[in-house]
Amino acid sequence: MKINPLNNPKINAYKPQVQQQQQQTQSKNQATDKVQISEEAKQLQQSNPIVEARQEKVENLKQEVQKGTYQLDPKQTAEKMVEFWNGR
């Protein structure tokens, strides 16, 4: 009686495919993205005194509107609107 060797091609038909899939998943896991922030972006992230002052002004206006103490000058508003539309 002859016993066939264990390296039967029919049994190992899927072995190369499995190995290839494992290699692909390993290479995908190794690839990573990197982010580099430019110096200009770092400067923009730092607090800007102009932005802070504007935020304070907006907060004060919000509080005045909520309290009902905000006074609006219609003449000044109209003048600013005319300046804006004529300036274009």
PDB file of N, CA and C in Angstrom:
ATOM      1  N   MET A   1       0.848  -1.164   0.000  1.00  0.00           N
ATOM      2  CA  MET A   1       0.000   0.000   0.000  1.00  0.00           C
ATOM      3  C   MET A   1       0.901   1.237   0.000  1.00  0.00           C
ATOM      4  N   LYS A   2       0.550   2.176  -0.862  1.00  0.00           N
ATOM      5  CA  LYS A   2       1.349   3.389  -1.002  1.00  0.00           C
ATOM      6  C   LYS A   2       0.619   4.545  -0.314  1.00  0.00           C
ATOM      7  N   ILE A   3       1.330   5.242   0.534  1.00  0.00           N
ATOM      8  CA  ILE A   3       0.762   6.401   1.222  1.00  0.00           C
ATOM      9  C   ILE A   3       1.259   7.643   0.503  1.00  0.00           C
ATOM     10  N   ASN A   4       0.318   8.483   0.107  1.00  0.00           N
ATOM     11  CA  ASN A   4       0.668   9.714  -0.603  1.00  0.00           C
ATOM     12  C   ASN A   4       1.288  10.722   0.366  1.00  0.00           C
ATOM     13  N   PRO A   5       2.213  11.521  -0.123  1.00  0.00           N
ATOM     14  CA  PRO A   5       2.814  12.524   0.762  1.00  0.00           C
ATOM     15  C   PRO A   5       1.799  13.602   1.165  1.00  0.00           C
ATOM     16  N   LEU A   6       2.120  14.331   2.226  1.00  0.00           N
ATOM     17  CA  LEU A   6       1.209  15.350   2.740  1.00  0.00           C
ATOM     18  C   LEU A   6       1.150  16.595   1.864  1.00  0.00           C
ATOM     19  N   ASN A   7       2.072  16.781   0.981  1.00  0.00           N
ATOM     20  CA  ASN A   7       2.080  17.961   0.124  1.00  0.00           C
ATOM     21  C   ASN A   7       1.209  17.761  -1.107  1.00  0.00           C
ATOM     22  N   ASN A   8       0.055  17.275  -0.897  1.00  0.00           N
ATOM     23  CA  ASN A   8      -0.881  17.057  -1.989  1.00  0.00           C
ATOM     24  C   ASN A   8      -1.354  18.417  -2.495  1.00  0.00           C
ATOM     25  N   PRO A   9      -1.234  18.719  -3.800  1.00  0.00           N
ATOM     26  CA  PRO A   9      -1.635  20.031  -4.311  1.00  0.00           C
ATOM     27  C   PRO A   9      -3.112  20.329  -4.124  1.00  0.00           C
ATOM     28  N   LYS A  10      -3.938  19.322  -4.058  1.00  0.00           N
ATOM     29  CA  LYS A  10      -5.374  19.564  -3.873  1.00  0.00           C
ATOM     30  C   LYS A  10      -5.669  20.041  -2.448  1.00  0.00           C
ATOM     31  N   ILE A  11      -4.945  19.545  -1.510  1.00  0.00           N
ATOM     32  CA  ILE A  11      -5.151  19.944  -0.117  1.00  0.00           C
ATOM     33  C   ILE A  11      -4.617  21.353   0.106  1.00  0.00           C
ATOM     34  N   ASN A  12      -3.489  21.663  -0.481  1.00  0.00           N
ATOM     35  CA  ASN A  12      -2.842  22.955  -0.277  1.00  0.00           C
ATOM     36  C   ASN A  12      -3.197  23.975  -1.357  1.00  0.00           C
ATOM     37  N   ALA A  13      -4.297  23.806  -2.039  1.00  0.00           N
ATOM     38  CA  ALA A  13      -4.656  24.705  -3.135  1.00  0.00           C
ATOM     39  C   ALA A  13      -4.915  26.127  -2.636  1.00  0.00           C
ATOM     40  N   TYR A  14      -5.452  26.284  -1.448  1.00  0.00           N
ATOM     41  CA  TYR A  14      -5.809  27.611  -0.942  1.00  0.00           C
ATOM     42  C   TYR A  14      -4.730  28.230  -0.056  1.00  0.00           C
ATOM     43  N   LYS A  15      -3.711  27.484   0.252  1.00  0.00           N
ATOM     44  CA  LYS A  15      -2.657  27.981   1.129  1.00  0.00           C
ATOM     45  C   LYS A  15      -1.969  29.232   0.576  1.00  0.00           C
ATOM     46  N   PRO A  16      -1.591  29.292  -0.716  1.00  0.00           N
ATOM     47  CA  PRO A  16      -0.976  30.524  -1.234  1.00  0.00           C
ATOM     48  C   PRO A  16      -1.909  31.735  -1.160  1.00  0.00           C
ATOM     49  N   GLN A  17      -3.200  31.510  -1.369  1.00  0.00           N
ATOM     50  CA  GLN A  17      -4.155  32.620  -1.295  1.00  0.00           C
ATOM     51  C   GLN A  17      -4.260  33.151   0.134  1.00  0.00           C
ATOM     52  N   VAL A  18      -4.286  32.261   1.091  1.00  0.00           N
ATOM     53  CA  VAL A  18      -4.377  32.663   2.493  1.00  0.00           C
ATOM     54  C   VAL A  18      -3.124  33.437   2.893  1.00  0.00           C
ATOM     55  N   GLN A  19      -1.965  32.959   2.468  1.00  0.00           N
ATOM     56  CA  GLN A  19      -0.727  33.658   2.787  1.00  0.00           C
ATOM     57  C   GLN A  19      -0.701  35.047   2.158  1.00  0.00           C
ATOM     58  N   GLN A  20      -1.189  35.145   0.937  1.00  0.00           N
ATOM     59  CA  GLN A  20      -1.216  36.443   0.253  1.00  0.00           C
ATOM     60  C   GLN A  20      -2.152  37.409   0.981  1.00  0.00           C
ATOM     61  N   GLN A  21      -3.308  36.935   1.420  1.00  0.00           N
ATOM     62  CA  GLN A  21      -4.241  37.783   2.151  1.00  0.00           C
ATOM     63  C   GLN A  21      -3.636  38.242   3.476  1.00  0.00           C
ATOM     64  N   GLN A  22      -2.922  37.357   4.147  1.00  0.00           N
ATOM     65  CA  GLN A  22      -2.293  37.730   5.409  1.00  0.00           C
ATOM     66  C   GLN A  22      -1.230  38.797   5.194  1.00  0.00           C
ATOM     67  N   GLN A  23      -0.476  38.684   4.125  1.00  0.00           N
ATOM     68  CA  GLN A  23       0.545  39.681   3.826  1.00  0.00           C
ATOM     69  C   GLN A  23      -0.092  41.030   3.513  1.00  0.00           C
ATOM     70  N   GLN A  24      -1.213  41.016   2.792  1.00  0.00           N
ATOM     71  CA  GLN A  24      -1.890  42.269   2.455  1.00  0.00           C
ATOM     72  C   GLN A  24      -2.422  42.948   3.708  1.00  0.00           C
ATOM     73  N   THR A  25      -3.010  42.179   4.615  1.00  0.00           N
ATOM     74  CA  THR A  25      -3.542  42.787   5.841  1.00  0.00           C
ATOM     75  C   THR A  25      -2.416  43.323   6.714  1.00  0.00           C
ATOM     76  N   GLN A  26      -1.285  42.640   6.741  1.00  0.00           N
ATOM     77  CA  GLN A  26      -0.148  43.130   7.517  1.00  0.00           C
ATOM     78  C   GLN A  26       0.392  44.424   6.934  1.00  0.00           C
ATOM     79  N   SER A  27       0.457  44.503   5.604  1.00  0.00           N
ATOM     80  CA  SER A  27       0.965  45.729   4.989  1.00  0.00           C
ATOM     81  C   SER A  27      -0.012  46.885   5.196  1.00  0.00           C
ATOM     82  N   LYS A  28      -1.312  46.607   5.216  1.00  0.00           N
ATOM     83  CA  LYS A  28      -2.301  47.662   5.473  1.00  0.00           C
ATOM     84  C   LYS A  28      -2.182  48.173   6.904  1.00  0.00           C
ATOM     85  N   ASN A  29      -1.929  47.256   7.838  1.00  0.00           N
ATOM     86  CA  ASN A  29      -1.808  47.649   9.241  1.00  0.00           C
ATOM     87  C   ASN A  29      -0.555  48.485   9.481  1.00  0.00           C
ATOM     88  N   GLN A  30       0.473  48.261   8.705  1.00  0.00           N
ATOM     89  CA  GLN A  30       1.719  48.982   8.900  1.00  0.00           C
ATOM     90  C   GLN A  30       1.669  50.386   8.327  1.00  0.00           C
ATOM     91  N   ALA A  31       0.860  50.606   7.299  1.00  0.00           N
ATOM     92  CA  ALA A  31       0.780  51.929   6.681  1.00  0.00           C
ATOM     93  C   ALA A  31      -0.036  52.854   7.583  1.00  0.00           C
ATOM     94  N   THR A  32       0.542  54.010   7.924  1.00  0.00           N
ATOM     95  CA  THR A  32      -0.159  54.972   8.764  1.00  0.00           C
ATOM     96  C   THR A  32      -0.079  56.354   8.133  1.00  0.00           C
ATOM     97  N   ASP A  33      -1.056  57.158   8.437  1.00  0.00           N
ATOM     98  CA  ASP A  33      -1.073  58.533   7.958  1.00  0.00           C
ATOM     99  C   ASP A  33      -0.390  59.427   8.984  1.00  0.00           C
ATOM    100  N   LYS A  34       0.256  60.455   8.483  1.00  0.00           N
ATOM    101  CA  LYS A  34       0.910  61.411   9.365  1.00  0.00           C
ATOM    102  C   LYS A  34       0.417  62.808   9.029  1.00  0.00           C
ATOM    103  N   VAL A  35       0.234  63.604  10.057  1.00  0.00           N
ATOM    104  CA  VAL A  35      -0.217  64.979   9.889  1.00  0.00           C
ATOM    105  C   VAL A  35       0.897  65.905  10.354  1.00  0.00           C
ATOM    106  N   GLN A  36       1.197  66.886   9.512  1.00  0.00           N
ATOM    107  CA  GLN A  36       2.191  67.882   9.888  1.00  0.00           C
ATOM    108  C   GLN A  36       1.521  69.252   9.838  1.00  0.00           C
ATOM    109  N   ILE A  37       1.599  69.967  10.936  1.00  0.00           N
ATOM    110  CA  ILE A  37       0.982  71.284  11.023  1.00  0.00           C
ATOM    111  C   ILE A  37       2.049  72.329  10.736  1.00  0.00           C
ATOM    112  N   SER A  38       1.749  73.206   9.805  1.00  0.00           N
ATOM    113  CA  SER A  38       2.717  74.231   9.419  1.00  0.00           C
ATOM    114  C   SER A  38       2.855  75.274  10.526  1.00  0.00           C
ATOM    115  N   GLU A  39       3.914  76.053  10.440  1.00  0.00           N
ATOM    116  CA  GLU A  39       4.146  77.109  11.429  1.00  0.00           C
ATOM    117  C   GLU A  39       3.028  78.148  11.376  1.00  0.00           C
ATOM    118  N   GLU A  40       2.550  78.431  10.172  1.00  0.00           N
ATOM    119  CA  GLU A  40       1.466  79.409  10.022  1.00  0.00           C
ATOM    120  C   GLU A  40       0.206  78.918  10.729  1.00  0.00           C
ATOM    121  N   ALA A  41      -0.098  77.633  10.594  1.00  0.00           N
ATOM    122  CA  ALA A  41      -1.272  77.075  11.259  1.00  0.00           C
ATOM    123  C   ALA A  41      -1.104  77.099  12.774  1.00  0.00           C
ATOM    124  N   LYS A  42       0.107  76.849  13.235  1.00  0.00           N
ATOM    125  CA  LYS A  42       0.360  76.901  14.680  1.00  0.00           C
ATOM    126  C   LYS A  42       0.148  78.308  15.219  1.00  0.00           C
ATOM    127  N   GLN A  43       0.571  79.309  14.445  1.00  0.00           N
ATOM    128  CA  GLN A  43       0.375  80.692  14.867  1.00  0.00           C
ATOM    129  C   GLN A  43      -1.106  81.046  14.884  1.00  0.00           C
ATOM    130  N   LEU A  44      -1.858  80.527  13.920  1.00  0.00           N
ATOM    131  CA  LEU A  44      -3.289  80.808  13.879  1.00  0.00           C
ATOM    132  C   LEU A  44      -4.021  80.165  15.050  1.00  0.00           C
ATOM    133  N   GLN A  45      -3.509  79.044  15.532  1.00  0.00           N
ATOM    134  CA  GLN A  45      -4.143  78.364  16.651  1.00  0.00           C
ATOM    135  C   GLN A  45      -3.932  79.103  17.967  1.00  0.00           C
ATOM    136  N   GLN A  46      -2.866  79.860  18.049  1.00  0.00           N
ATOM    137  CA  GLN A  46      -2.609  80.615  19.271  1.00  0.00           C
ATOM    138  C   GLN A  46      -3.652  81.719  19.395  1.00  0.00           C
ATOM    139  N   SER A  47      -3.915  82.121  20.618  1.00  0.00           N
ATOM    140  CA  SER A  47      -4.938  83.131  20.846  1.00  0.00           C
ATOM    141  C   SER A  47      -4.502  84.471  20.266  1.00  0.00           C
ATOM    142  N   ASN A  48      -5.441  85.117  19.622  1.00  0.00           N
ATOM    143  CA  ASN A  48      -5.206  86.407  18.983  1.00  0.00           C
ATOM    144  C   ASN A  48      -5.912  87.473  19.821  1.00  0.00           C
ATOM    145  N   PRO A  49      -5.219  88.532  20.235  1.00  0.00           N
ATOM    146  CA  PRO A  49      -5.859  89.547  21.086  1.00  0.00           C
ATOM    147  C   PRO A  49      -7.037  90.239  20.400  1.00  0.00           C
ATOM    148  N   ILE A  50      -6.979  90.394  19.092  1.00  0.00           N
ATOM    149  CA  ILE A  50      -8.091  91.030  18.370  1.00  0.00           C
ATOM    150  C   ILE A  50      -9.327  90.148  18.439  1.00  0.00           C
ATOM    151  N   VAL A  51      -9.133  88.846  18.248  1.00  0.00           N
ATOM    152  CA  VAL A  51     -10.256  87.909  18.301  1.00  0.00           C
ATOM    153  C   VAL A  51     -10.846  87.885  19.703  1.00  0.00           C
ATOM    154  N   GLU A  52      -9.994  87.890  20.709  1.00  0.00           N
ATOM    155  CA  GLU A  52     -10.480  87.879  22.088  1.00  0.00           C
ATOM    156  C   GLU A  52     -11.281  89.141  22.397  1.00  0.00           C
ATOM    157  N   ALA A  53     -10.800  90.290  21.948  1.00  0.00           N
ATOM    158  CA  ALA A  53     -11.512  91.548  22.194  1.00  0.00           C
ATOM    159  C   ALA A  53     -12.864  91.534  21.494  1.00  0.00           C
ATOM    160  N   ARG A  54     -12.895  91.008  20.284  1.00  0.00           N
ATOM    161  CA  ARG A  54     -14.160  90.945  19.540  1.00  0.00           C
ATOM    162  C   ARG A  54     -15.147  90.003  20.230  1.00  0.00           C
ATOM    163  N   GLN A  55     -14.648  88.888  20.746  1.00  0.00           N
ATOM    164  CA  GLN A  55     -15.516  87.958  21.458  1.00  0.00           C
ATOM    165  C   GLN A  55     -16.101  88.613  22.706  1.00  0.00           C
ATOM    166  N   GLU A  56     -15.291  89.386  23.408  1.00  0.00           N
ATOM    167  CA  GLU A  56     -15.791  90.094  24.587  1.00  0.00           C
ATOM    168  C   GLU A  56     -16.877  91.088  24.193  1.00  0.00           C
ATOM    169  N   LYS A  57     -16.654  91.793  23.088  1.00  0.00           N
ATOM    170  CA  LYS A  57     -17.639  92.773  22.622  1.00  0.00           C
ATOM    171  C   LYS A  57     -18.952  92.082  22.255  1.00  0.00           C
ATOM    172  N   VAL A  58     -18.852  90.947  21.580  1.00  0.00           N
ATOM    173  CA  VAL A  58     -20.052  90.194  21.200  1.00  0.00           C
ATOM    174  C   VAL A  58     -20.788  89.713  22.445  1.00  0.00           C
ATOM    175  N   GLU A  59     -20.059  89.213  23.430  1.00  0.00           N
ATOM    176  CA  GLU A  59     -20.690  88.756  24.666  1.00  0.00           C
ATOM    177  C   GLU A  59     -21.402  89.907  25.379  1.00  0.00           C
ATOM    178  N   ASN A  60     -20.769  91.073  25.418  1.00  0.00           N
ATOM    179  CA  ASN A  60     -21.405  92.235  26.045  1.00  0.00           C
ATOM    180  C   ASN A  60     -22.678  92.627  25.309  1.00  0.00           C
ATOM    181  N   LEU A  61     -22.632  92.605  23.982  1.00  0.00           N
ATOM    182  CA  LEU A  61     -23.829  92.937  23.200  1.00  0.00           C
ATOM    183  C   LEU A  61     -24.938  91.922  23.446  1.00  0.00           C
ATOM    184  N   LYS A  62     -24.594  90.655  23.536  1.00  0.00           N
ATOM    185  CA  LYS A  62     -25.597  89.621  23.806  1.00  0.00           C
ATOM    186  C   LYS A  62     -26.273  89.863  25.152  1.00  0.00           C
ATOM    187  N   GLN A  63     -25.462  90.207  26.149  1.00  0.00           N
ATOM    188  CA  GLN A  63     -26.018  90.458  27.477  1.00  0.00           C
ATOM    189  C   GLN A  63     -26.941  91.674  27.466  1.00  0.00           C
ATOM    190  N   GLU A  64     -26.544  92.733  26.753  1.00  0.00           N
ATOM    191  CA  GLU A  64     -27.384  93.930  26.670  1.00  0.00           C
ATOM    192  C   GLU A  64     -28.706  93.621  25.978  1.00  0.00           C
ATOM    193  N   VAL A  65     -28.663  92.815  24.918  1.00  0.00           N
ATOM    194  CA  VAL A  65     -29.894  92.459  24.203  1.00  0.00           C
ATOM    195  C   VAL A  65     -30.796  91.633  25.109  1.00  0.00           C
ATOM    196  N   GLN A  66     -30.231  90.683  25.849  1.00  0.00           N
ATOM    197  CA  GLN A  66     -31.031  89.848  26.740  1.00  0.00           C
ATOM    198  C   GLN A  66     -31.660  90.662  27.866  1.00  0.00           C
ATOM    199  N   LYS A  67     -30.921  91.646  28.375  1.00  0.00           N
ATOM    200  CA  LYS A  67     -31.441  92.487  29.454  1.00  0.00           C
ATOM    201  C   LYS A  67     -32.423  93.534  28.943  1.00  0.00           C
ATOM    202  N   GLY A  68     -32.352  93.818  27.647  1.00  0.00           N
ATOM    203  CA  GLY A  68     -33.225  94.844  27.081  1.00  0.00           C
ATOM    204  C   GLY A  68     -32.642  96.235  27.193  1.00  0.00           C
ATOM    205  N   THR A  69     -31.363  96.345  27.472  1.00  0.00           N
ATOM    206  CA  THR A  69     -30.731  97.653  27.628  1.00  0.00           C
ATOM    207  C   THR A  69     -29.962  98.090  26.385  1.00  0.00           C
ATOM    208  N   TYR A  70     -30.001  97.306  25.332  1.00  0.00           N
ATOM    209  CA  TYR A  70     -29.261  97.643  24.108  1.00  0.00           C
ATOM    210  C   TYR A  70     -29.989  98.759  23.375  1.00  0.00           C
ATOM    211  N   GLN A  71     -29.292  99.856  23.137  1.00  0.00           N
ATOM    212  CA  GLN A  71     -29.867 101.000  22.440  1.00  0.00           C
ATOM    213  C   GLN A  71     -29.257 101.085  21.043  1.00  0.00           C
ATOM    214  N   LEU A  72     -30.113 101.200  20.051  1.00  0.00           N
ATOM    215  CA  LEU A  72     -29.685 101.262  18.662  1.00  0.00           C
ATOM    216  C   LEU A  72     -30.007 102.635  18.106  1.00  0.00           C
ATOM    217  N   ASP A  73     -29.033 103.272  17.469  1.00  0.00           N
ATOM    218  CA  ASP A  73     -29.226 104.584  16.859  1.00  0.00           C
ATOM    219  C   ASP A  73     -29.607 104.376  15.392  1.00  0.00           C
ATOM    220  N   PRO A  74     -30.865 104.625  15.018  1.00  0.00           N
ATOM    221  CA  PRO A  74     -31.302 104.376  13.638  1.00  0.00           C
ATOM    222  C   PRO A  74     -30.573 105.250  12.618  1.00  0.00           C
ATOM    223  N   LYS A  75     -30.241 106.482  12.989  1.00  0.00           N
ATOM    224  CA  LYS A  75     -29.558 107.378  12.059  1.00  0.00           C
ATOM    225  C   LYS A  75     -28.162 106.840  11.737  1.00  0.00           C
ATOM    226  N   GLN A  76     -27.448 106.417  12.758  1.00  0.00           N
ATOM    227  CA  GLN A  76     -26.109 105.876  12.550  1.00  0.00           C
ATOM    228  C   GLN A  76     -26.176 104.580  11.727  1.00  0.00           C
ATOM    229  N   THR A  77     -27.170 103.744  11.980  1.00  0.00           N
ATOM    230  CA  THR A  77     -27.332 102.508  11.214  1.00  0.00           C
ATOM    231  C   THR A  77     -27.569 102.813   9.748  1.00  0.00           C
ATOM    232  N   ALA A  78     -28.437 103.799   9.465  1.00  0.00           N
ATOM    233  CA  ALA A  78     -28.721 104.174   8.077  1.00  0.00           C
ATOM    234  C   ALA A  78     -27.470 104.719   7.394  1.00  0.00           C
ATOM    235  N   GLU A  79     -26.700 105.539   8.102  1.00  0.00           N
ATOM    236  CA  GLU A  79     -25.468 106.086   7.525  1.00  0.00           C
ATOM    237  C   GLU A  79     -24.482 104.969   7.180  1.00  0.00           C
ATOM    238  N   LYS A  80     -24.330 104.005   8.068  1.00  0.00           N
ATOM    239  CA  LYS A  80     -23.415 102.886   7.820  1.00  0.00           C
ATOM    240  C   LYS A  80     -23.884 102.041   6.639  1.00  0.00           C
ATOM    241  N   MET A  81     -25.201 101.864   6.501  1.00  0.00           N
ATOM    242  CA  MET A  81     -25.728 101.095   5.368  1.00  0.00           C
ATOM    243  C   MET A  81     -25.450 101.811   4.050  1.00  0.00           C
ATOM    244  N   VAL A  82     -25.637 103.135   4.035  1.00  0.00           N
ATOM    245  CA  VAL A  82     -25.372 103.912   2.820  1.00  0.00           C
ATOM    246  C   VAL A  82     -23.891 103.845   2.476  1.00  0.00           C
ATOM    247  N   GLU A  83     -23.032 103.983   3.470  1.00  0.00           N
ATOM    248  CA  GLU A  83     -21.587 103.883   3.235  1.00  0.00           C
ATOM    249  C   GLU A  83     -21.226 102.515   2.658  1.00  0.00           C
ATOM    250  N   PHE A  84     -21.837 101.488   3.193  1.00  0.00           N
ATOM    251  CA  PHE A  84     -21.531 100.131   2.738  1.00  0.00           C
ATOM    252  C   PHE A  84     -21.937  99.939   1.281  1.00  0.00           C
ATOM    253  N   TRP A  85     -23.161 100.331   0.940  1.00  0.00           N
ATOM    254  CA  TRP A  85     -23.660 100.082  -0.415  1.00  0.00           C
ATOM    255  C   TRP A  85     -23.040 101.031  -1.437  1.00  0.00           C
ATOM    256  N   ASN A  86     -22.686 102.228  -1.045  1.00  0.00           N
ATOM    257  CA  ASN A  86     -22.025 103.143  -1.982  1.00  0.00           C
ATOM    258  C   ASN A  86     -20.543 102.821  -2.129  1.00  0.00           C
ATOM    259  N   GLY A  87     -19.980 102.193  -1.141  1.00  0.00           N
ATOM    260  CA  GLY A  87     -18.569 101.834  -1.186  1.00  0.00           C
ATOM    261  C   GLY A  87     -18.280 100.709  -2.158  1.00  0.00           C
ATOM    262  N   ARG A  88     -19.297  99.973  -2.524  1.00  0.00           N
ATOM    263  CA  ARG A  88     -19.095  98.844  -3.447  1.00  0.00           C
ATOM    264  C   ARG A  88     -19.096  99.313  -4.817  1.00  0.00           C
TER     265      ARG A  88
END
